[in-house]
Amino acid sequence: MAVEVCVKAAVGAPDVLGDCPFSQRVLLTLEEKKVTYKKHLINVSDKPKWFLEVNPEGKVPVINFGDKWIPDSDVIVGIIEEKYPNPSLIAPPEFASVGSKIFPTFVSFLKSKDSSDGTEQALLDELKALEEHLKAHGPYVSGQNVCSVDMSLAPKLYHLEVALGHFKEWSVPESLSHVRNYMKLLFERESFQKTKAEEKYVIAGWAPKV
């Protein structure tokens, strides 16, 4: 029985992979582990009846290993790790929360209308903390090989780059050279190229919220 995974379709393009960073995290994990899977693109503004029957909450991503549909990207990547231990993506426990505040601080800055409200500085502080971590432990979060933290951060950093570049003409400062190199390494990975949403769909996804 093939693994099946439901992920968000692009806004206005139901046959194209959408911009959900949590869906991409699951797809990245499957790709890095070379797991064969069947992908269902879900139009979140017009969810198919079969999808709501098997997943009444209607959230994506959800995955099925053959018996039932399982929601929540945190839970899903944990199960993928158990079922497909090689290559291991387990992060050292002390690194599990590296970069965990980057996404919420990015969203606050993106939505901000007041340049003096501290949201930009809050994001910069989180990126500086990641810079220091990568300087000591890089090029990835736990060294030479990717781990689950990288799989979580990669889609979020992509959203940050695309959305802030488009809506605020903002980019990660050149002084944060380890972060910029980290993003480049992640975005160039074959797994990322295969699972990323096109930039225009990331922009369309954020437009109503900005």
N, C-alpha and C. Protein backbone atom coordinates (compact mmCIF):
# COMPACT_ATOMS: atom_id res chain seq x y z
N MET A 1 0.85 -1.20 0.00
CA MET A 1 0.00 0.00 0.00
C MET A 1 0.88 1.25 0.00
N ALA A 2 0.70 2.06 -1.02
CA ALA A 2 1.52 3.28 -1.10
C ALA A 2 1.10 4.27 -0.03
N VAL A 3 2.05 5.04 0.42
CA VAL A 3 1.75 6.14 1.32
C VAL A 3 0.98 7.20 0.53
N GLU A 4 -0.11 7.71 1.12
CA GLU A 4 -0.87 8.78 0.47
C GLU A 4 -0.80 10.02 1.35
N VAL A 5 -0.67 11.17 0.71
CA VAL A 5 -0.58 12.42 1.47
C VAL A 5 -1.44 13.48 0.79
N CYS A 6 -2.21 14.19 1.61
CA CYS A 6 -3.04 15.29 1.10
C CYS A 6 -2.37 16.61 1.49
N VAL A 7 -2.16 17.46 0.48
CA VAL A 7 -1.52 18.75 0.71
C VAL A 7 -2.32 19.85 0.03
N LYS A 8 -2.01 21.08 0.37
CA LYS A 8 -2.75 22.22 -0.15
C LYS A 8 -2.44 22.46 -1.63
N ALA A 9 -3.51 22.67 -2.41
CA ALA A 9 -3.34 23.09 -3.81
C ALA A 9 -3.15 24.61 -3.85
N ALA A 10 -2.62 25.09 -4.95
CA ALA A 10 -2.37 26.52 -5.10
C ALA A 10 -3.69 27.29 -5.18
N VAL A 11 -3.69 28.51 -4.65
CA VAL A 11 -4.86 29.38 -4.72
C VAL A 11 -5.13 29.72 -6.19
N GLY A 12 -6.35 29.39 -6.66
CA GLY A 12 -6.70 29.69 -8.05
C GLY A 12 -6.15 28.71 -9.07
N ALA A 13 -5.42 27.69 -8.60
CA ALA A 13 -4.85 26.68 -9.51
C ALA A 13 -4.89 25.31 -8.83
N PRO A 14 -6.07 24.67 -8.83
CA PRO A 14 -6.25 23.45 -8.02
C PRO A 14 -5.40 22.26 -8.44
N ASP A 15 -4.77 22.33 -9.64
CA ASP A 15 -3.93 21.22 -10.10
C ASP A 15 -2.45 21.46 -9.84
N VAL A 16 -2.14 22.53 -9.12
CA VAL A 16 -0.74 22.91 -8.87
C VAL A 16 -0.48 22.89 -7.37
N LEU A 17 0.73 22.44 -6.99
CA LEU A 17 1.10 22.39 -5.57
C LEU A 17 1.02 23.78 -4.94
N GLY A 18 0.41 23.84 -3.77
CA GLY A 18 0.19 25.12 -3.10
C GLY A 18 1.27 25.52 -2.13
N ASP A 19 0.96 26.58 -1.38
CA ASP A 19 1.99 27.31 -0.62
C ASP A 19 2.01 27.00 0.87
N CYS A 20 1.45 25.86 1.30
CA CYS A 20 1.41 25.57 2.74
C CYS A 20 2.78 25.07 3.22
N PRO A 21 3.44 25.82 4.13
CA PRO A 21 4.78 25.39 4.57
C PRO A 21 4.76 24.08 5.37
N PHE A 22 3.61 23.79 6.01
CA PHE A 22 3.50 22.56 6.79
C PHE A 22 3.32 21.35 5.87
N SER A 23 2.60 21.56 4.76
CA SER A 23 2.51 20.51 3.74
C SER A 23 3.88 20.25 3.14
N GLN A 24 4.61 21.33 2.83
CA GLN A 24 5.94 21.13 2.23
C GLN A 24 6.89 20.42 3.19
N ARG A 25 6.77 20.71 4.46
CA ARG A 25 7.63 20.04 5.45
C ARG A 25 7.46 18.52 5.37
N VAL A 26 6.21 18.07 5.25
CA VAL A 26 5.93 16.63 5.16
C VAL A 26 6.48 16.06 3.85
N LEU A 27 6.25 16.77 2.74
CA LEU A 27 6.76 16.31 1.44
C LEU A 27 8.28 16.26 1.42
N LEU A 28 8.93 17.27 2.01
CA LEU A 28 10.40 17.29 2.09
C LEU A 28 10.92 16.07 2.84
N THR A 29 10.24 15.75 3.95
CA THR A 29 10.66 14.61 4.77
C THR A 29 10.55 13.31 3.98
N LEU A 30 9.44 13.14 3.25
CA LEU A 30 9.26 11.95 2.42
C LEU A 30 10.32 11.89 1.31
N GLU A 31 10.59 13.04 0.69
CA GLU A 31 11.59 13.08 -0.40
C GLU A 31 12.99 12.76 0.11
N GLU A 32 13.36 13.35 1.24
CA GLU A 32 14.71 13.12 1.78
C GLU A 32 14.91 11.65 2.15
N LYS A 33 13.82 10.98 2.53
CA LYS A 33 13.90 9.57 2.90
C LYS A 33 13.61 8.64 1.73
N LYS A 34 13.37 9.23 0.54
CA LYS A 34 13.13 8.44 -0.69
C LYS A 34 11.93 7.49 -0.52
N VAL A 35 10.90 7.98 0.16
CA VAL A 35 9.67 7.20 0.33
C VAL A 35 8.77 7.45 -0.89
N THR A 36 8.26 6.39 -1.48
CA THR A 36 7.31 6.53 -2.59
C THR A 36 5.95 6.92 -2.02
N TYR A 37 5.33 7.93 -2.60
CA TYR A 37 4.04 8.37 -2.07
C TYR A 37 3.15 8.89 -3.19
N LYS A 38 1.85 8.88 -2.91
CA LYS A 38 0.87 9.44 -3.84
C LYS A 38 0.36 10.74 -3.24
N LYS A 39 0.39 11.79 -4.04
CA LYS A 39 0.05 13.14 -3.54
C LYS A 39 -1.35 13.53 -4.04
N HIS A 40 -2.20 13.97 -3.11
CA HIS A 40 -3.51 14.51 -3.47
C HIS A 40 -3.48 16.02 -3.21
N LEU A 41 -3.75 16.82 -4.23
CA LEU A 41 -3.81 18.28 -4.05
C LEU A 41 -5.23 18.66 -3.65
N ILE A 42 -5.35 19.34 -2.51
CA ILE A 42 -6.65 19.70 -1.96
C ILE A 42 -6.90 21.19 -2.15
N ASN A 43 -7.98 21.52 -2.85
CA ASN A 43 -8.40 22.91 -2.99
C ASN A 43 -9.07 23.31 -1.67
N VAL A 44 -8.38 24.10 -0.85
CA VAL A 44 -8.87 24.36 0.50
C VAL A 44 -10.11 25.26 0.53
N SER A 45 -10.41 25.92 -0.58
CA SER A 45 -11.63 26.74 -0.61
C SER A 45 -12.83 25.95 -1.16
N ASP A 46 -12.57 24.74 -1.64
CA ASP A 46 -13.64 23.87 -2.13
C ASP A 46 -13.20 22.42 -1.92
N LYS A 47 -13.21 22.00 -0.64
CA LYS A 47 -12.65 20.69 -0.29
C LYS A 47 -13.53 19.56 -0.82
N PRO A 48 -12.92 18.55 -1.45
CA PRO A 48 -13.72 17.44 -1.99
C PRO A 48 -14.43 16.66 -0.88
N LYS A 49 -15.57 16.10 -1.26
CA LYS A 49 -16.41 15.38 -0.29
C LYS A 49 -15.65 14.20 0.33
N TRP A 50 -14.93 13.43 -0.51
CA TRP A 50 -14.22 12.26 0.02
C TRP A 50 -13.20 12.66 1.08
N PHE A 51 -12.58 13.83 0.87
CA PHE A 51 -11.55 14.32 1.79
C PHE A 51 -12.17 14.66 3.14
N LEU A 52 -13.31 15.34 3.13
CA LEU A 52 -13.98 15.71 4.38
C LEU A 52 -14.55 14.48 5.09
N GLU A 53 -14.89 13.45 4.34
CA GLU A 53 -15.39 12.22 4.96
C GLU A 53 -14.30 11.51 5.74
N VAL A 54 -13.09 11.49 5.20
CA VAL A 54 -11.99 10.80 5.89
C VAL A 54 -11.27 11.71 6.87
N ASN A 55 -11.50 13.01 6.74
CA ASN A 55 -10.77 13.99 7.55
C ASN A 55 -11.72 15.16 7.86
N PRO A 56 -12.68 14.93 8.80
CA PRO A 56 -13.76 15.92 9.01
C PRO A 56 -13.27 17.32 9.38
N GLU A 57 -12.10 17.44 10.01
CA GLU A 57 -11.58 18.78 10.34
C GLU A 57 -11.16 19.53 9.09
N GLY A 58 -10.84 18.79 8.05
CA GLY A 58 -10.53 19.41 6.76
C GLY A 58 -9.17 20.07 6.67
N LYS A 59 -8.30 19.77 7.63
CA LYS A 59 -6.98 20.42 7.61
C LYS A 59 -5.98 19.64 6.76
N VAL A 60 -5.03 20.36 6.18
CA VAL A 60 -3.89 19.72 5.51
C VAL A 60 -2.61 20.17 6.24
N PRO A 61 -1.56 19.36 6.21
CA PRO A 61 -1.47 18.05 5.56
C PRO A 61 -2.08 16.93 6.41
N VAL A 62 -2.49 15.87 5.72
CA VAL A 62 -2.82 14.60 6.38
C VAL A 62 -2.15 13.50 5.57
N ILE A 63 -1.85 12.39 6.26
CA ILE A 63 -1.14 11.28 5.60
C ILE A 63 -1.81 9.97 5.95
N ASN A 64 -1.68 9.00 5.06
CA ASN A 64 -2.25 7.68 5.28
C ASN A 64 -1.19 6.64 4.92
N PHE A 65 -0.84 5.82 5.92
CA PHE A 65 0.15 4.76 5.69
C PHE A 65 -0.52 3.43 5.36
N GLY A 66 -1.87 3.46 5.17
CA GLY A 66 -2.56 2.24 4.78
C GLY A 66 -3.79 1.92 5.61
N ASP A 67 -3.93 2.56 6.79
CA ASP A 67 -5.09 2.22 7.61
C ASP A 67 -5.96 3.42 7.97
N LYS A 68 -5.35 4.58 8.24
CA LYS A 68 -6.16 5.75 8.59
C LYS A 68 -5.42 7.04 8.24
N TRP A 69 -6.19 8.13 8.14
CA TRP A 69 -5.61 9.44 7.83
C TRP A 69 -5.17 10.11 9.12
N ILE A 70 -3.95 10.64 9.11
CA ILE A 70 -3.35 11.23 10.31
C ILE A 70 -3.03 12.69 10.03
N PRO A 71 -3.56 13.62 10.87
CA PRO A 71 -3.25 15.04 10.67
C PRO A 71 -2.04 15.49 11.50
N ASP A 72 -1.67 16.77 11.34
CA ASP A 72 -0.66 17.46 12.16
C ASP A 72 0.77 17.14 11.71
N SER A 73 1.42 18.13 11.11
CA SER A 73 2.76 17.88 10.54
C SER A 73 3.77 17.41 11.59
N ASP A 74 3.66 17.88 12.84
CA ASP A 74 4.57 17.41 13.89
C ASP A 74 4.43 15.90 14.10
N VAL A 75 3.17 15.46 14.19
CA VAL A 75 2.89 14.03 14.39
C VAL A 75 3.33 13.24 13.17
N ILE A 76 3.00 13.76 11.98
CA ILE A 76 3.29 13.05 10.74
C ILE A 76 4.79 12.80 10.57
N VAL A 77 5.61 13.85 10.76
CA VAL A 77 7.05 13.64 10.53
C VAL A 77 7.64 12.69 11.57
N GLY A 78 7.06 12.67 12.78
CA GLY A 78 7.50 11.71 13.80
C GLY A 78 7.23 10.28 13.38
N ILE A 79 6.05 10.05 12.78
CA ILE A 79 5.70 8.70 12.33
C ILE A 79 6.55 8.29 11.13
N ILE A 80 6.78 9.24 10.21
CA ILE A 80 7.64 8.93 9.06
C ILE A 80 9.02 8.49 9.56
N GLU A 81 9.53 9.19 10.57
CA GLU A 81 10.85 8.85 11.12
C GLU A 81 10.86 7.44 11.70
N GLU A 82 9.77 7.06 12.39
CA GLU A 82 9.68 5.72 12.98
C GLU A 82 9.61 4.64 11.90
N LYS A 83 8.78 4.89 10.87
CA LYS A 83 8.55 3.87 9.84
C LYS A 83 9.70 3.77 8.85
N TYR A 84 10.39 4.90 8.62
CA TYR A 84 11.48 4.94 7.63
C TYR A 84 12.71 5.58 8.28
N PRO A 85 13.41 4.80 9.12
CA PRO A 85 14.49 5.41 9.92
C PRO A 85 15.72 5.84 9.13
N ASN A 86 15.86 5.37 7.89
CA ASN A 86 17.06 5.72 7.10
C ASN A 86 16.71 6.54 5.86
N PRO A 87 17.46 7.60 5.59
CA PRO A 87 18.47 8.20 6.49
C PRO A 87 17.80 8.88 7.69
N SER A 88 18.45 8.87 8.81
CA SER A 88 17.88 9.47 10.01
C SER A 88 17.81 11.00 9.87
N LEU A 89 16.65 11.54 10.24
CA LEU A 89 16.52 13.01 10.30
C LEU A 89 16.32 13.48 11.74
N ILE A 90 16.63 12.61 12.67
CA ILE A 90 16.43 12.97 14.09
C ILE A 90 17.39 14.09 14.47
N ALA A 91 16.83 15.14 15.08
CA ALA A 91 17.65 16.28 15.51
C ALA A 91 18.12 16.04 16.94
N PRO A 92 19.34 16.45 17.28
CA PRO A 92 19.75 16.39 18.68
C PRO A 92 18.74 17.17 19.54
N PRO A 93 18.32 16.62 20.68
CA PRO A 93 17.28 17.27 21.47
C PRO A 93 17.57 18.74 21.79
N GLU A 94 18.85 19.05 22.00
CA GLU A 94 19.20 20.43 22.37
C GLU A 94 19.04 21.40 21.19
N PHE A 95 18.88 20.85 19.97
CA PHE A 95 18.70 21.71 18.79
C PHE A 95 17.24 21.75 18.31
N ALA A 96 16.37 21.05 19.01
CA ALA A 96 14.98 20.87 18.52
C ALA A 96 14.24 22.19 18.33
N SER A 97 14.58 23.20 19.15
CA SER A 97 13.82 24.47 19.06
C SER A 97 14.58 25.56 18.31
N VAL A 98 15.70 25.21 17.66
CA VAL A 98 16.46 26.21 16.90
C VAL A 98 15.56 26.82 15.82
N GLY A 99 15.49 28.16 15.80
CA GLY A 99 14.72 28.85 14.77
C GLY A 99 13.21 28.80 14.93
N SER A 100 12.73 28.26 16.05
CA SER A 100 11.29 28.02 16.18
C SER A 100 10.46 29.30 16.25
N LYS A 101 11.09 30.43 16.57
CA LYS A 101 10.31 31.67 16.66
C LYS A 101 10.43 32.52 15.38
N ILE A 102 11.17 32.03 14.40
CA ILE A 102 11.36 32.82 13.17
C ILE A 102 10.03 33.01 12.44
N PHE A 103 9.23 31.95 12.31
CA PHE A 103 8.00 32.06 11.53
C PHE A 103 7.00 33.04 12.16
N PRO A 104 6.69 32.92 13.46
CA PRO A 104 5.75 33.90 14.04
C PRO A 104 6.26 35.34 13.99
N THR A 105 7.57 35.54 14.15
CA THR A 105 8.08 36.92 14.09
C THR A 105 8.05 37.45 12.65
N PHE A 106 8.28 36.56 11.69
CA PHE A 106 8.15 36.93 10.27
C PHE A 106 6.71 37.37 9.97
N VAL A 107 5.74 36.59 10.43
CA VAL A 107 4.33 36.92 10.15
C VAL A 107 3.96 38.27 10.76
N SER A 108 4.41 38.53 11.98
CA SER A 108 4.13 39.82 12.64
C SER A 108 4.72 40.99 11.85
N PHE A 109 5.95 40.82 11.39
CA PHE A 109 6.61 41.88 10.62
C PHE A 109 5.91 42.07 9.26
N LEU A 110 5.55 40.96 8.63
CA LEU A 110 4.88 41.04 7.32
C LEU A 110 3.56 41.82 7.43
N LYS A 111 2.82 41.58 8.50
CA LYS A 111 1.50 42.21 8.66
C LYS A 111 1.60 43.63 9.22
N SER A 112 2.76 44.00 9.72
CA SER A 112 2.93 45.28 10.40
C SER A 112 2.78 46.48 9.46
N LYS A 113 2.09 47.48 9.95
CA LYS A 113 1.92 48.73 9.18
C LYS A 113 2.75 49.87 9.78
N ASP A 114 3.39 49.58 10.91
CA ASP A 114 4.12 50.62 11.65
C ASP A 114 5.59 50.24 11.74
N SER A 115 6.45 50.98 11.05
CA SER A 115 7.87 50.61 10.98
C SER A 115 8.60 50.74 12.31
N SER A 116 7.98 51.39 13.30
CA SER A 116 8.66 51.56 14.59
C SER A 116 8.06 50.67 15.69
N ASP A 117 7.31 49.62 15.27
CA ASP A 117 6.62 48.81 16.29
C ASP A 117 7.47 47.66 16.84
N GLY A 118 8.72 47.54 16.35
CA GLY A 118 9.62 46.53 16.90
C GLY A 118 9.53 45.17 16.22
N THR A 119 8.61 45.00 15.27
CA THR A 119 8.47 43.67 14.65
C THR A 119 9.66 43.30 13.78
N GLU A 120 10.23 44.30 13.10
CA GLU A 120 11.41 44.01 12.27
C GLU A 120 12.58 43.60 13.16
N GLN A 121 12.77 44.32 14.26
CA GLN A 121 13.88 44.00 15.17
C GLN A 121 13.69 42.61 15.79
N ALA A 122 12.45 42.28 16.11
CA ALA A 122 12.18 40.95 16.70
C ALA A 122 12.58 39.84 15.72
N LEU A 123 12.26 40.04 14.44
CA LEU A 123 12.66 39.06 13.43
C LEU A 123 14.18 39.01 13.29
N LEU A 124 14.80 40.19 13.24
CA LEU A 124 16.27 40.23 13.13
C LEU A 124 16.94 39.53 14.31
N ASP A 125 16.37 39.70 15.51
CA ASP A 125 16.94 39.04 16.70
C ASP A 125 16.89 37.52 16.54
N GLU A 126 15.77 37.00 16.01
CA GLU A 126 15.65 35.55 15.81
C GLU A 126 16.62 35.06 14.73
N LEU A 127 16.75 35.85 13.66
CA LEU A 127 17.69 35.47 12.59
C LEU A 127 19.14 35.54 13.07
N LYS A 128 19.44 36.51 13.95
CA LYS A 128 20.80 36.61 14.51
C LYS A 128 21.11 35.41 15.39
N ALA A 129 20.09 34.95 16.14
CA ALA A 129 20.29 33.75 16.98
C ALA A 129 20.57 32.53 16.10
N LEU A 130 19.85 32.43 14.96
CA LEU A 130 20.11 31.33 14.03
C LEU A 130 21.51 31.46 13.43
N GLU A 131 21.91 32.68 13.12
CA GLU A 131 23.25 32.94 12.58
C GLU A 131 24.33 32.42 13.54
N GLU A 132 24.18 32.73 14.82
CA GLU A 132 25.17 32.28 15.82
C GLU A 132 25.19 30.76 15.93
N HIS A 133 24.00 30.15 15.86
CA HIS A 133 23.93 28.69 15.94
C HIS A 133 24.65 28.07 14.74
N LEU A 134 24.35 28.58 13.55
CA LEU A 134 24.95 28.01 12.34
C LEU A 134 26.45 28.24 12.29
N LYS A 135 26.88 29.37 12.82
CA LYS A 135 28.31 29.67 12.88
C LYS A 135 29.04 28.61 13.70
N ALA A 136 28.38 28.16 14.76
CA ALA A 136 29.00 27.18 15.66
C ALA A 136 28.80 25.74 15.19
N HIS A 137 27.66 25.46 14.54
CA HIS A 137 27.29 24.06 14.29
C HIS A 137 27.03 23.72 12.82
N GLY A 138 27.01 24.71 11.92
CA GLY A 138 26.55 24.55 10.54
C GLY A 138 27.34 23.58 9.70
N PRO A 139 27.05 23.53 8.39
CA PRO A 139 26.19 24.47 7.65
C PRO A 139 24.69 24.29 7.88
N TYR A 140 24.28 23.05 8.28
CA TYR A 140 22.87 22.83 8.64
C TYR A 140 22.73 22.92 10.15
N VAL A 141 21.50 22.77 10.65
CA VAL A 141 21.26 22.97 12.09
C VAL A 141 22.10 22.03 12.94
N SER A 142 22.26 20.77 12.49
CA SER A 142 23.06 19.86 13.32
C SER A 142 24.32 19.39 12.60
N GLY A 143 24.85 20.24 11.71
CA GLY A 143 26.14 19.92 11.10
C GLY A 143 26.08 19.71 9.61
N GLN A 144 26.75 18.65 9.14
CA GLN A 144 26.91 18.43 7.69
C GLN A 144 25.66 17.85 7.03
N ASN A 145 24.79 17.22 7.81
CA ASN A 145 23.61 16.57 7.24
C ASN A 145 22.32 17.24 7.73
N VAL A 146 21.30 17.19 6.86
CA VAL A 146 20.02 17.80 7.25
C VAL A 146 19.34 16.96 8.33
N CYS A 147 18.50 17.63 9.12
CA CYS A 147 17.70 16.95 10.13
C CYS A 147 16.28 17.51 10.09
N SER A 148 15.44 17.02 10.99
CA SER A 148 14.03 17.40 10.98
C SER A 148 13.83 18.91 11.18
N VAL A 149 14.73 19.55 11.92
CA VAL A 149 14.60 21.00 12.13
C VAL A 149 14.79 21.74 10.80
N ASP A 150 15.72 21.28 9.99
CA ASP A 150 15.92 21.89 8.67
C ASP A 150 14.67 21.72 7.79
N MET A 151 14.03 20.55 7.88
CA MET A 151 12.83 20.27 7.08
C MET A 151 11.69 21.21 7.48
N SER A 152 11.66 21.59 8.75
CA SER A 152 10.64 22.51 9.24
C SER A 152 10.96 23.96 8.86
N LEU A 153 12.24 24.32 8.98
CA LEU A 153 12.65 25.71 8.73
C LEU A 153 12.69 26.07 7.24
N ALA A 154 13.04 25.12 6.38
CA ALA A 154 13.23 25.44 4.96
C ALA A 154 12.00 26.10 4.33
N PRO A 155 10.78 25.52 4.47
CA PRO A 155 9.62 26.17 3.85
C PRO A 155 9.31 27.53 4.47
N LYS A 156 9.56 27.67 5.76
CA LYS A 156 9.26 28.93 6.45
C LYS A 156 10.22 30.03 5.99
N LEU A 157 11.48 29.68 5.82
CA LEU A 157 12.46 30.66 5.34
C LEU A 157 12.18 31.03 3.89
N TYR A 158 11.66 30.10 3.12
CA TYR A 158 11.28 30.38 1.73
C TYR A 158 10.12 31.38 1.71
N HIS A 159 9.12 31.17 2.55
CA HIS A 159 8.01 32.11 2.66
C HIS A 159 8.51 33.49 3.08
N LEU A 160 9.42 33.51 4.05
CA LEU A 160 10.00 34.77 4.52
C LEU A 160 10.69 35.50 3.35
N GLU A 161 11.52 34.78 2.63
CA GLU A 161 12.26 35.42 1.53
C GLU A 161 11.31 35.96 0.45
N VAL A 162 10.35 35.14 0.05
CA VAL A 162 9.46 35.53 -1.05
C VAL A 162 8.49 36.64 -0.62
N ALA A 163 7.84 36.44 0.53
CA ALA A 163 6.79 37.39 0.95
C ALA A 163 7.38 38.73 1.37
N LEU A 164 8.46 38.73 2.15
CA LEU A 164 9.04 40.01 2.57
C LEU A 164 9.70 40.71 1.39
N GLY A 165 10.27 39.94 0.48
CA GLY A 165 10.84 40.54 -0.72
C GLY A 165 9.78 41.24 -1.55
N HIS A 166 8.62 40.61 -1.67
CA HIS A 166 7.54 41.16 -2.50
C HIS A 166 6.81 42.32 -1.82
N PHE A 167 6.40 42.10 -0.58
CA PHE A 167 5.52 43.09 0.07
C PHE A 167 6.28 44.21 0.77
N LYS A 168 7.54 43.95 1.15
CA LYS A 168 8.29 44.98 1.90
C LYS A 168 9.64 45.31 1.28
N GLU A 169 9.97 44.67 0.15
CA GLU A 169 11.29 44.85 -0.46
C GLU A 169 12.40 44.66 0.57
N TRP A 170 12.23 43.64 1.39
CA TRP A 170 13.13 43.35 2.52
C TRP A 170 13.81 42.01 2.27
N SER A 171 15.07 41.92 2.61
CA SER A 171 15.75 40.63 2.52
C SER A 171 16.66 40.43 3.73
N VAL A 172 17.07 39.20 3.95
CA VAL A 172 17.97 38.89 5.07
C VAL A 172 19.27 39.67 4.88
N PRO A 173 19.68 40.43 5.90
CA PRO A 173 20.89 41.26 5.77
C PRO A 173 22.13 40.44 5.39
N GLU A 174 23.00 41.05 4.58
CA GLU A 174 24.20 40.34 4.13
C GLU A 174 25.13 40.00 5.29
N SER A 175 25.00 40.74 6.40
CA SER A 175 25.84 40.45 7.57
C SER A 175 25.53 39.07 8.16
N LEU A 176 24.33 38.56 7.88
CA LEU A 176 23.95 37.23 8.38
C LEU A 176 24.34 36.18 7.33
N SER A 177 25.64 36.08 7.10
CA SER A 177 26.13 35.29 5.96
C SER A 177 25.85 33.79 6.13
N HIS A 178 25.88 33.30 7.38
CA HIS A 178 25.61 31.87 7.59
C HIS A 178 24.14 31.55 7.33
N VAL A 179 23.24 32.46 7.69
CA VAL A 179 21.81 32.25 7.43
C VAL A 179 21.57 32.27 5.91
N ARG A 180 22.18 33.22 5.23
CA ARG A 180 21.98 33.32 3.77
C ARG A 180 22.52 32.06 3.07
N ASN A 181 23.67 31.58 3.51
CA ASN A 181 24.23 30.36 2.93
C ASN A 181 23.34 29.16 3.24
N TYR A 182 22.82 29.11 4.45
CA TYR A 182 21.92 28.03 4.88
C TYR A 182 20.68 27.99 3.99
N MET A 183 20.08 29.16 3.75
CA MET A 183 18.90 29.23 2.89
C MET A 183 19.24 28.76 1.47
N LYS A 184 20.39 29.18 0.97
CA LYS A 184 20.82 28.79 -0.38
C LYS A 184 20.98 27.26 -0.47
N LEU A 185 21.63 26.68 0.53
CA LEU A 185 21.83 25.22 0.55
C LEU A 185 20.49 24.48 0.58
N LEU A 186 19.58 24.94 1.44
CA LEU A 186 18.28 24.28 1.56
C LEU A 186 17.49 24.39 0.26
N PHE A 187 17.44 25.60 -0.30
CA PHE A 187 16.60 25.84 -1.48
C PHE A 187 17.14 25.14 -2.73
N GLU A 188 18.44 24.80 -2.72
CA GLU A 188 19.04 24.12 -3.87
C GLU A 188 18.88 22.60 -3.81
N ARG A 189 18.46 22.08 -2.66
CA ARG A 189 18.32 20.63 -2.53
C ARG A 189 17.25 20.12 -3.49
N GLU A 190 17.50 18.94 -4.04
CA GLU A 190 16.54 18.36 -4.99
C GLU A 190 15.17 18.21 -4.33
N SER A 191 15.15 17.79 -3.07
CA SER A 191 13.88 17.61 -2.34
C SER A 191 13.10 18.91 -2.27
N PHE A 192 13.80 20.02 -2.11
CA PHE A 192 13.14 21.32 -2.01
C PHE A 192 12.60 21.76 -3.37
N GLN A 193 13.42 21.60 -4.39
CA GLN A 193 13.00 21.99 -5.74
C GLN A 193 11.74 21.24 -6.16
N LYS A 194 11.64 19.97 -5.75
CA LYS A 194 10.49 19.14 -6.13
C LYS A 194 9.23 19.48 -5.35
N THR A 195 9.36 20.12 -4.19
CA THR A 195 8.21 20.28 -3.30
C THR A 195 7.83 21.74 -3.02
N LYS A 196 8.54 22.69 -3.62
CA LYS A 196 8.24 24.09 -3.31
C LYS A 196 7.08 24.61 -4.18
N ALA A 197 6.33 25.55 -3.63
CA ALA A 197 5.32 26.26 -4.41
C ALA A 197 6.00 27.33 -5.24
N GLU A 198 5.42 27.64 -6.40
CA GLU A 198 5.95 28.75 -7.19
C GLU A 198 5.79 30.04 -6.38
N GLU A 199 6.71 30.97 -6.61
CA GLU A 199 6.71 32.23 -5.84
C GLU A 199 5.36 32.95 -5.95
N LYS A 200 4.77 32.93 -7.14
CA LYS A 200 3.51 33.68 -7.32
C LYS A 200 2.40 33.13 -6.43
N TYR A 201 2.46 31.82 -6.13
CA TYR A 201 1.43 31.24 -5.26
C TYR A 201 1.70 31.54 -3.79
N VAL A 202 2.97 31.65 -3.43
CA VAL A 202 3.31 32.09 -2.06
C VAL A 202 2.79 33.52 -1.86
N ILE A 203 3.03 34.38 -2.84
CA ILE A 203 2.57 35.78 -2.76
C ILE A 203 1.04 35.84 -2.70
N ALA A 204 0.39 35.05 -3.55
CA ALA A 204 -1.10 35.03 -3.54
C ALA A 204 -1.64 34.52 -2.22
N GLY A 205 -0.93 33.58 -1.61
CA GLY A 205 -1.37 33.05 -0.32
C GLY A 205 -1.32 34.06 0.80
N TRP A 206 -0.31 34.94 0.76
CA TRP A 206 -0.16 35.94 1.82
C TRP A 206 -0.94 37.23 1.55
N ALA A 207 -1.26 37.49 0.28
CA ALA A 207 -1.86 38.78 -0.08
C ALA A 207 -3.09 39.17 0.77
N PRO A 208 -4.04 38.24 1.04
CA PRO A 208 -5.20 38.64 1.83
C PRO A 208 -4.86 38.98 3.28
N LYS A 209 -3.69 38.50 3.76
CA LYS A 209 -3.34 38.68 5.17
C LYS A 209 -2.50 39.95 5.40
N VAL A 210 -2.02 40.52 4.29
CA VAL A 210 -1.09 41.67 4.42
C VAL A 210 -1.87 42.99 4.36
